[in-house]
Amino acid sequence: MNMDNDSLRRRLARCMYVGLLAVAGIALVGLPVMTAAAAEPTKIGIVGAGKMGGALAELWAKAGHEVMISSRHPDELKAQAQAIGPKVHVGTVSEAAAFGPVVLIAMPYGKWPEVSDEIKSKTVGKTVIDLTNPYPDRDGPMAEQARKETTGIADPKYLPGAHLVRAFNSIIWTDLRKQAHRAGTPAAIAVAGDDANAVAVTSQLVRDAGFEPVMVGPLTSARLFDVDTPVYVKVMTAAELRKALNLPAQ
């Protein structure tokens, strides 16, 4: 086993320990907080290079992670990557999906059918963070169906075998930039997923981006912070978000 895999295994073990405590509702008071500086660097492939994907690429690169942004025309992203720094690479969508153990899906929702065919074989067993949102006026009938099913049910069908986690979908890109690492109590990011490892890894990446993760529940509970819910694109503290979603206080 090479050093990259050893580092990833140690990181996942620590993340899983903290994540499982959080899922169980056990307060984390007194436990050491894993800061960006203390966390093991992770390779993150980003499918998309728009406002959300670009903002997270910058935040994660500053936290020490190695990131690949992608598009159908990766050469057009070189200036964007250079502006962020040396930890950001460019590639095709397929290359981003294969880049590391974590993949972020940051594309218009209507691209799911096309992109899933290209990347689903490369995301099996990986943590896949899904921030896509269905808007029927932009994405067509498939988005209407997703609204009916809710994203926690509709989206996993596109990437069978991946450990999908919903996060970062309920914040607009301007707040993603403005609220990251803000002074005082951090802004909250809702997280929903079924795999404990994937949830823990995502929660740490939420912290690395400068926010506080709030574990909402299994992937189907993403319906509680989908488009048009009362908490959608509302900036809240973790305590405020838990109250709004009727989750136990911590």
C-alpha atoms as a PDB file:
ATOM      1  CA  MET A   1       0.000   0.000   0.000  1.00  0.00           C
ATOM      2  CA  ASN A   2       1.471   3.391  -0.937  1.00  0.00           C
ATOM      3  CA  MET A   3       1.654   6.452   1.297  1.00  0.00           C
ATOM      4  CA  ASP A   4      -1.323   8.133  -0.356  1.00  0.00           C
ATOM      5  CA  ASN A   5      -3.556   5.217   0.553  1.00  0.00           C
ATOM      6  CA  ASP A   6      -2.125   5.075   4.077  1.00  0.00           C
ATOM      7  CA  SER A   7      -2.842   8.755   4.579  1.00  0.00           C
ATOM      8  CA  LEU A   8      -6.347   8.366   3.246  1.00  0.00           C
ATOM      9  CA  ARG A   9      -7.015   5.397   5.519  1.00  0.00           C
ATOM     10  CA  ARG A  10      -5.891   7.350   8.606  1.00  0.00           C
ATOM     11  CA  ARG A  11      -8.014  10.302   7.600  1.00  0.00           C
ATOM     12  CA  LEU A  12     -11.096   8.166   6.994  1.00  0.00           C
ATOM     13  CA  ALA A  13     -10.662   6.400  10.329  1.00  0.00           C
ATOM     14  CA  ARG A  14     -10.544   9.690  12.230  1.00  0.00           C
ATOM     15  CA  CYS A  15     -13.419  11.147  10.234  1.00  0.00           C
ATOM     16  CA  MET A  16     -15.542   8.041  10.732  1.00  0.00           C
ATOM     17  CA  TYR A  17     -14.972   8.124  14.508  1.00  0.00           C
ATOM     18  CA  VAL A  18     -16.120  11.721  14.826  1.00  0.00           C
ATOM     19  CA  GLY A  19     -18.900  11.267  12.289  1.00  0.00           C
ATOM     20  CA  LEU A  20     -20.365   8.235  14.011  1.00  0.00           C
ATOM     21  CA  LEU A  21     -20.412  10.094  17.328  1.00  0.00           C
ATOM     22  CA  ALA A  22     -22.267  12.939  15.673  1.00  0.00           C
ATOM     23  CA  VAL A  23     -24.773  10.616  14.021  1.00  0.00           C
ATOM     24  CA  ALA A  24     -25.382   8.983  17.378  1.00  0.00           C
ATOM     25  CA  GLY A  25     -26.158  12.368  18.873  1.00  0.00           C
ATOM     26  CA  ILE A  26     -23.142  12.369  21.198  1.00  0.00           C
ATOM     27  CA  ALA A  27     -21.789  15.834  21.864  1.00  0.00           C
ATOM     28  CA  LEU A  28     -18.287  16.425  20.595  1.00  0.00           C
ATOM     29  CA  VAL A  29     -17.346  18.678  23.511  1.00  0.00           C
ATOM     30  CA  GLY A  30     -13.808  17.922  24.660  1.00  0.00           C
ATOM     31  CA  LEU A  31     -12.797  16.081  21.513  1.00  0.00           C
ATOM     32  CA  PRO A  32      -9.997  17.594  19.455  1.00  0.00           C
ATOM     33  CA  VAL A  33     -11.277  19.576  16.500  1.00  0.00           C
ATOM     34  CA  MET A  34      -9.727  18.478  13.190  1.00  0.00           C
ATOM     35  CA  THR A  35      -8.617  21.688  11.562  1.00  0.00           C
ATOM     36  CA  ALA A  36      -7.666  22.095   7.938  1.00  0.00           C
ATOM     37  CA  ALA A  37      -4.012  22.187   8.917  1.00  0.00           C
ATOM     38  CA  ALA A  38      -4.291  18.906  10.849  1.00  0.00           C
ATOM     39  CA  ALA A  39      -6.303  17.042   8.226  1.00  0.00           C
ATOM     40  CA  GLU A  40      -4.609  14.765   5.719  1.00  0.00           C
ATOM     41  CA  PRO A  41      -4.698  16.249   2.197  1.00  0.00           C
ATOM     42  CA  THR A  42      -7.271  14.601  -0.044  1.00  0.00           C
ATOM     43  CA  LYS A  43      -7.587  14.487  -3.818  1.00  0.00           C
ATOM     44  CA  ILE A  44     -10.957  15.857  -4.909  1.00  0.00           C
ATOM     45  CA  GLY A  45     -12.273  15.719  -8.452  1.00  0.00           C
ATOM     46  CA  ILE A  46     -14.878  18.352  -9.297  1.00  0.00           C
ATOM     47  CA  VAL A  47     -17.289  17.640 -12.128  1.00  0.00           C
ATOM     48  CA  GLY A  48     -17.933  21.179 -13.248  1.00  0.00           C
ATOM     49  CA  ALA A  49     -16.088  24.463 -12.969  1.00  0.00           C
ATOM     50  CA  GLY A  50     -18.853  26.999 -12.485  1.00  0.00           C
ATOM     51  CA  LYS A  51     -19.433  29.352  -9.592  1.00  0.00           C
ATOM     52  CA  MET A  52     -20.082  26.674  -6.962  1.00  0.00           C
ATOM     53  CA  GLY A  53     -17.413  24.259  -8.159  1.00  0.00           C
ATOM     54  CA  GLY A  54     -14.892  27.055  -8.560  1.00  0.00           C
ATOM     55  CA  ALA A  55     -15.576  28.461  -5.107  1.00  0.00           C
ATOM     56  CA  LEU A  56     -15.183  25.078  -3.429  1.00  0.00           C
ATOM     57  CA  ALA A  57     -12.051  24.336  -5.442  1.00  0.00           C
ATOM     58  CA  GLU A  58     -10.522  27.523  -4.064  1.00  0.00           C
ATOM     59  CA  LEU A  59     -11.622  26.885  -0.470  1.00  0.00           C
ATOM     60  CA  TRP A  60     -10.386  23.296  -0.463  1.00  0.00           C
ATOM     61  CA  ALA A  61      -7.105  24.140  -2.158  1.00  0.00           C
ATOM     62  CA  LYS A  62      -6.452  26.782   0.510  1.00  0.00           C
ATOM     63  CA  ALA A  63      -7.162  24.104   3.117  1.00  0.00           C
ATOM     64  CA  GLY A  64      -4.390  21.953   1.624  1.00  0.00           C
ATOM     65  CA  HIS A  65      -6.350  19.585  -0.606  1.00  0.00           C
ATOM     66  CA  GLU A  66      -5.457  18.763  -4.198  1.00  0.00           C
ATOM     67  CA  VAL A  67      -8.311  19.519  -6.568  1.00  0.00           C
ATOM     68  CA  MET A  68      -9.151  18.946 -10.229  1.00  0.00           C
ATOM     69  CA  ILE A  69     -11.779  21.112 -11.925  1.00  0.00           C
ATOM     70  CA  SER A  70     -13.199  19.838 -15.185  1.00  0.00           C
ATOM     71  CA  SER A  71     -15.226  20.533 -18.290  1.00  0.00           C
ATOM     72  CA  ARG A  72     -15.610  19.321 -21.866  1.00  0.00           C
ATOM     73  CA  HIS A  73     -12.907  21.832 -22.772  1.00  0.00           C
ATOM     74  CA  PRO A  74     -10.326  21.653 -19.964  1.00  0.00           C
ATOM     75  CA  ASP A  75      -7.841  23.948 -21.711  1.00  0.00           C
ATOM     76  CA  GLU A  76     -10.292  26.783 -21.135  1.00  0.00           C
ATOM     77  CA  LEU A  77      -9.940  26.254 -17.364  1.00  0.00           C
ATOM     78  CA  LYS A  78      -6.182  26.718 -17.147  1.00  0.00           C
ATOM     79  CA  ALA A  79      -6.347  30.416 -16.297  1.00  0.00           C
ATOM     80  CA  GLN A  80      -8.933  29.738 -13.590  1.00  0.00           C
ATOM     81  CA  ALA A  81      -6.789  26.998 -12.061  1.00  0.00           C
ATOM     82  CA  GLN A  82      -3.637  29.130 -12.170  1.00  0.00           C
ATOM     83  CA  ALA A  83      -5.451  31.991 -10.462  1.00  0.00           C
ATOM     84  CA  ILE A  84      -6.394  29.717  -7.548  1.00  0.00           C
ATOM     85  CA  GLY A  85      -2.995  28.134  -7.082  1.00  0.00           C
ATOM     86  CA  PRO A  86      -0.740  25.143  -7.728  1.00  0.00           C
ATOM     87  CA  LYS A  87      -2.987  22.625  -5.965  1.00  0.00           C
ATOM     88  CA  VAL A  88      -5.684  23.016  -8.624  1.00  0.00           C
ATOM     89  CA  HIS A  89      -5.478  20.975 -11.813  1.00  0.00           C
ATOM     90  CA  VAL A  90      -7.687  20.809 -14.890  1.00  0.00           C
ATOM     91  CA  GLY A  91      -9.058  17.811 -16.722  1.00  0.00           C
ATOM     92  CA  THR A  92     -11.984  16.253 -18.488  1.00  0.00           C
ATOM     93  CA  VAL A  93     -15.092  15.176 -16.621  1.00  0.00           C
ATOM     94  CA  SER A  94     -13.907  11.578 -16.799  1.00  0.00           C
ATOM     95  CA  GLU A  95     -10.461  12.511 -15.470  1.00  0.00           C
ATOM     96  CA  ALA A  96     -11.992  14.442 -12.564  1.00  0.00           C
ATOM     97  CA  ALA A  97     -14.141  11.466 -11.587  1.00  0.00           C
ATOM     98  CA  ALA A  98     -11.034   9.260 -11.564  1.00  0.00           C
ATOM     99  CA  PHE A  99      -8.784  11.831  -9.863  1.00  0.00           C
ATOM    100  CA  GLY A 100      -9.199  10.878  -6.204  1.00  0.00           C
ATOM    101  CA  PRO A 101     -11.338   9.206  -3.531  1.00  0.00           C
ATOM    102  CA  VAL A 102     -13.751  12.172  -3.364  1.00  0.00           C
ATOM    103  CA  VAL A 103     -15.820  13.552  -6.229  1.00  0.00           C
ATOM    104  CA  LEU A 104     -17.953  16.701  -6.169  1.00  0.00           C
ATOM    105  CA  ILE A 105     -20.827  16.961  -8.648  1.00  0.00           C
ATOM    106  CA  ALA A 106     -21.239  20.671  -9.390  1.00  0.00           C
ATOM    107  CA  MET A 107     -23.068  20.888 -12.695  1.00  0.00           C
ATOM    108  CA  PRO A 108     -26.542  21.861 -13.924  1.00  0.00           C
ATOM    109  CA  TYR A 109     -29.018  19.151 -12.939  1.00  0.00           C
ATOM    110  CA  GLY A 110     -30.003  18.480 -16.546  1.00  0.00           C
ATOM    111  CA  LYS A 111     -26.504  17.117 -17.245  1.00  0.00           C
ATOM    112  CA  TRP A 112     -27.023  14.101 -14.988  1.00  0.00           C
ATOM    113  CA  PRO A 113     -28.091  11.565 -17.676  1.00  0.00           C
ATOM    114  CA  GLU A 114     -25.226  12.484 -19.994  1.00  0.00           C
ATOM    115  CA  VAL A 115     -22.502  12.779 -17.356  1.00  0.00           C
ATOM    116  CA  SER A 116     -23.504   9.697 -15.373  1.00  0.00           C
ATOM    117  CA  ASP A 117     -22.818   7.452 -18.352  1.00  0.00           C
ATOM    118  CA  GLU A 118     -19.301   8.849 -18.503  1.00  0.00           C
ATOM    119  CA  ILE A 119     -18.359   8.709 -14.827  1.00  0.00           C
ATOM    120  CA  LYS A 120     -20.416   6.024 -13.083  1.00  0.00           C
ATOM    121  CA  SER A 121     -17.783   3.325 -13.532  1.00  0.00           C
ATOM    122  CA  LYS A 122     -15.192   5.640 -11.941  1.00  0.00           C
ATOM    123  CA  THR A 123     -17.223   6.579  -8.859  1.00  0.00           C
ATOM    124  CA  VAL A 124     -18.048   3.126  -7.496  1.00  0.00           C
ATOM    125  CA  GLY A 125     -17.069   2.991  -3.835  1.00  0.00           C
ATOM    126  CA  LYS A 126     -16.130   6.673  -3.710  1.00  0.00           C
ATOM    127  CA  THR A 127     -17.518   9.532  -1.647  1.00  0.00           C
ATOM    128  CA  VAL A 128     -19.561  11.615  -4.080  1.00  0.00           C
ATOM    129  CA  ILE A 129     -20.783  14.990  -2.829  1.00  0.00           C
ATOM    130  CA  ASP A 130     -23.870  16.068  -4.758  1.00  0.00           C
ATOM    131  CA  LEU A 131     -24.847  19.751  -4.771  1.00  0.00           C
ATOM    132  CA  THR A 132     -27.023  19.668  -7.897  1.00  0.00           C
ATOM    133  CA  ASN A 133     -30.562  21.072  -7.767  1.00  0.00           C
ATOM    134  CA  PRO A 134     -33.403  20.345 -10.204  1.00  0.00           C
ATOM    135  CA  TYR A 135     -35.025  23.385 -11.830  1.00  0.00           C
ATOM    136  CA  PRO A 136     -37.654  22.344 -14.411  1.00  0.00           C
ATOM    137  CA  ASP A 137     -37.490  25.648 -16.299  1.00  0.00           C
ATOM    138  CA  ARG A 138     -33.777  25.061 -16.899  1.00  0.00           C
ATOM    139  CA  ASP A 139     -33.432  21.270 -16.797  1.00  0.00           C
ATOM    140  CA  GLY A 140     -36.684  20.047 -18.330  1.00  0.00           C
ATOM    141  CA  PRO A 141     -38.995  17.125 -17.480  1.00  0.00           C
ATOM    142  CA  MET A 142     -36.306  15.078 -15.697  1.00  0.00           C
ATOM    143  CA  ALA A 143     -36.101  17.846 -13.099  1.00  0.00           C
ATOM    144  CA  GLU A 144     -39.863  17.763 -12.602  1.00  0.00           C
ATOM    145  CA  GLN A 145     -39.595  14.051 -11.865  1.00  0.00           C
ATOM    146  CA  ALA A 146     -36.709  14.658  -9.459  1.00  0.00           C
ATOM    147  CA  ARG A 147     -38.757  17.257  -7.607  1.00  0.00           C
ATOM    148  CA  LYS A 148     -41.509  14.672  -7.156  1.00  0.00           C
ATOM    149  CA  GLU A 149     -39.159  11.907  -6.047  1.00  0.00           C
ATOM    150  CA  THR A 150     -36.807  14.279  -4.112  1.00  0.00           C
ATOM    151  CA  THR A 151     -33.082  14.345  -4.842  1.00  0.00           C
ATOM    152  CA  GLY A 152     -32.159  11.801  -2.194  1.00  0.00           C
ATOM    153  CA  ILE A 153     -34.116   9.210  -4.158  1.00  0.00           C
ATOM    154  CA  ALA A 154     -33.619  10.438  -7.729  1.00  0.00           C
ATOM    155  CA  ASP A 155     -29.891  11.201  -7.787  1.00  0.00           C
ATOM    156  CA  PRO A 156     -28.376   7.881  -6.571  1.00  0.00           C
ATOM    157  CA  LYS A 157     -29.878   6.184  -9.638  1.00  0.00           C
ATOM    158  CA  TYR A 158     -27.322   7.981 -11.794  1.00  0.00           C
ATOM    159  CA  LEU A 159     -24.272   6.675  -9.914  1.00  0.00           C
ATOM    160  CA  PRO A 160     -24.963   3.125  -8.712  1.00  0.00           C
ATOM    161  CA  GLY A 161     -22.327   1.941  -6.278  1.00  0.00           C
ATOM    162  CA  ALA A 162     -21.172   5.419  -5.289  1.00  0.00           C
ATOM    163  CA  HIS A 163     -21.538   6.669  -1.698  1.00  0.00           C
ATOM    164  CA  LEU A 164     -23.635   9.717  -2.474  1.00  0.00           C
ATOM    165  CA  VAL A 165     -23.932  12.545   0.043  1.00  0.00           C
ATOM    166  CA  ARG A 166     -26.081  15.645  -0.361  1.00  0.00           C
ATOM    167  CA  ALA A 167     -24.298  18.804   0.817  1.00  0.00           C
ATOM    168  CA  PHE A 168     -23.635  22.388  -0.335  1.00  0.00           C
ATOM    169  CA  ASN A 169     -26.841  22.357  -2.407  1.00  0.00           C
ATOM    170  CA  SER A 170     -28.657  24.700  -0.048  1.00  0.00           C
ATOM    171  CA  ILE A 171     -26.340  27.696  -0.231  1.00  0.00           C
ATOM    172  CA  ILE A 172     -25.904  30.150  -3.084  1.00  0.00           C
ATOM    173  CA  TRP A 173     -22.430  30.737  -4.465  1.00  0.00           C
ATOM    174  CA  THR A 174     -22.177  34.306  -3.185  1.00  0.00           C
ATOM    175  CA  ASP A 175     -22.839  33.130   0.376  1.00  0.00           C
ATOM    176  CA  LEU A 176     -20.457  30.216  -0.145  1.00  0.00           C
ATOM    177  CA  ARG A 177     -17.698  32.746  -0.717  1.00  0.00           C
ATOM    178  CA  LYS A 178     -18.847  35.387   1.753  1.00  0.00           C
ATOM    179  CA  GLN A 179     -19.717  33.130   4.687  1.00  0.00           C
ATOM    180  CA  ALA A 180     -16.722  30.773   4.513  1.00  0.00           C
ATOM    181  CA  HIS A 181     -14.524  31.053   7.619  1.00  0.00           C
ATOM    182  CA  ARG A 182     -16.599  33.982   8.855  1.00  0.00           C
ATOM    183  CA  ALA A 183     -15.882  35.469  12.262  1.00  0.00           C
ATOM    184  CA  GLY A 184     -17.848  34.092  15.200  1.00  0.00           C
ATOM    185  CA  THR A 185     -20.198  31.138  14.867  1.00  0.00           C
ATOM    186  CA  PRO A 186     -19.757  29.444  11.480  1.00  0.00           C
ATOM    187  CA  ALA A 187     -22.570  29.134   8.983  1.00  0.00           C
ATOM    188  CA  ALA A 188     -24.112  25.676   8.716  1.00  0.00           C
ATOM    189  CA  ILE A 189     -24.185  23.238   5.796  1.00  0.00           C
ATOM    190  CA  ALA A 190     -26.814  20.491   5.846  1.00  0.00           C
ATOM    191  CA  VAL A 191     -25.488  16.980   5.125  1.00  0.00           C
ATOM    192  CA  ALA A 192     -27.453  13.822   4.306  1.00  0.00           C
ATOM    193  CA  GLY A 193     -26.101  10.401   3.406  1.00  0.00           C
ATOM    194  CA  ASP A 194     -26.312   6.682   4.063  1.00  0.00           C
ATOM    195  CA  ASP A 195     -22.652   5.698   4.288  1.00  0.00           C
ATOM    196  CA  ALA A 196     -20.944   6.608   7.583  1.00  0.00           C
ATOM    197  CA  ASN A 197     -17.505   6.984   6.000  1.00  0.00           C
ATOM    198  CA  ALA A 198     -18.790   9.206   3.204  1.00  0.00           C
ATOM    199  CA  VAL A 199     -20.736  11.362   5.638  1.00  0.00           C
ATOM    200  CA  ALA A 200     -17.687  11.743   7.872  1.00  0.00           C
ATOM    201  CA  VAL A 201     -15.398  12.649   4.972  1.00  0.00           C
ATOM    202  CA  THR A 202     -17.956  15.154   3.659  1.00  0.00           C
ATOM    203  CA  SER A 203     -18.404  16.672   7.106  1.00  0.00           C
ATOM    204  CA  GLN A 204     -14.658  17.244   7.388  1.00  0.00           C
ATOM    205  CA  LEU A 205     -14.590  18.865   3.961  1.00  0.00           C
ATOM    206  CA  VAL A 206     -17.437  21.131   5.058  1.00  0.00           C
ATOM    207  CA  ARG A 207     -15.265  22.217   7.991  1.00  0.00           C
ATOM    208  CA  ASP A 208     -12.239  22.634   5.742  1.00  0.00           C
ATOM    209  CA  ALA A 209     -14.318  24.963   3.557  1.00  0.00           C
ATOM    210  CA  GLY A 210     -15.104  27.118   6.588  1.00  0.00           C
ATOM    211  CA  PHE A 211     -18.572  25.926   7.599  1.00  0.00           C
ATOM    212  CA  GLU A 212     -20.156  23.714  10.248  1.00  0.00           C
ATOM    213  CA  PRO A 213     -21.774  20.476   9.073  1.00  0.00           C
ATOM    214  CA  VAL A 214     -25.208  19.490  10.354  1.00  0.00           C
ATOM    215  CA  MET A 215     -26.017  15.811   9.906  1.00  0.00           C
ATOM    216  CA  VAL A 216     -29.675  15.735   8.912  1.00  0.00           C
ATOM    217  CA  GLY A 217     -30.075  11.990   8.424  1.00  0.00           C
ATOM    218  CA  PRO A 218     -30.046   9.346   5.677  1.00  0.00           C
ATOM    219  CA  LEU A 219     -29.915  10.337   2.040  1.00  0.00           C
ATOM    220  CA  THR A 220     -33.699  10.390   1.742  1.00  0.00           C
ATOM    221  CA  SER A 221     -33.773  13.156   4.380  1.00  0.00           C
ATOM    222  CA  ALA A 222     -32.203  15.500   1.833  1.00  0.00           C
ATOM    223  CA  ARG A 223     -35.791  16.356   0.988  1.00  0.00           C
ATOM    224  CA  LEU A 224     -35.741  18.546   4.114  1.00  0.00           C
ATOM    225  CA  PHE A 225     -33.281  20.966   2.502  1.00  0.00           C
ATOM    226  CA  ASP A 226     -34.133  20.523  -1.184  1.00  0.00           C
ATOM    227  CA  VAL A 227     -35.241  23.406  -3.411  1.00  0.00           C
ATOM    228  CA  ASP A 228     -38.233  25.382  -2.088  1.00  0.00           C
ATOM    229  CA  THR A 229     -38.016  24.070   1.460  1.00  0.00           C
ATOM    230  CA  PRO A 230     -38.081  26.675   4.275  1.00  0.00           C
ATOM    231  CA  VAL A 231     -34.319  26.333   4.884  1.00  0.00           C
ATOM    232  CA  TYR A 232     -33.233  26.378   1.238  1.00  0.00           C
ATOM    233  CA  VAL A 233     -30.514  29.018   0.613  1.00  0.00           C
ATOM    234  CA  LYS A 234     -31.029  30.457   4.098  1.00  0.00           C
ATOM    235  CA  VAL A 235     -27.805  31.263   5.967  1.00  0.00           C
ATOM    236  CA  MET A 236     -28.110  29.828   9.485  1.00  0.00           C
ATOM    237  CA  THR A 237     -25.928  28.682  12.326  1.00  0.00           C
ATOM    238  CA  ALA A 238     -25.924  24.987  13.132  1.00  0.00           C
ATOM    239  CA  ALA A 239     -28.199  25.587  16.122  1.00  0.00           C
ATOM    240  CA  GLU A 240     -30.641  27.551  13.979  1.00  0.00           C
ATOM    241  CA  LEU A 241     -30.658  24.914  11.258  1.00  0.00           C
ATOM    242  CA  ARG A 242     -31.220  22.078  13.717  1.00  0.00           C
ATOM    243  CA  LYS A 243     -34.129  23.992  15.232  1.00  0.00           C
ATOM    244  CA  ALA A 244     -35.639  24.709  11.831  1.00  0.00           C
ATOM    245  CA  LEU A 245     -35.421  21.031  10.890  1.00  0.00           C
ATOM    246  CA  ASN A 246     -36.578  19.770  14.311  1.00  0.00           C
ATOM    247  CA  LEU A 247     -33.289  17.966  14.885  1.00  0.00           C
ATOM    248  CA  PRO A 248     -31.903  17.297  18.387  1.00  0.00           C
ATOM    249  CA  ALA A 249     -29.783  20.131  19.746  1.00  0.00           C
ATOM    250  CA  GLN A 250     -26.073  19.418  20.330  1.00  0.00           C
END
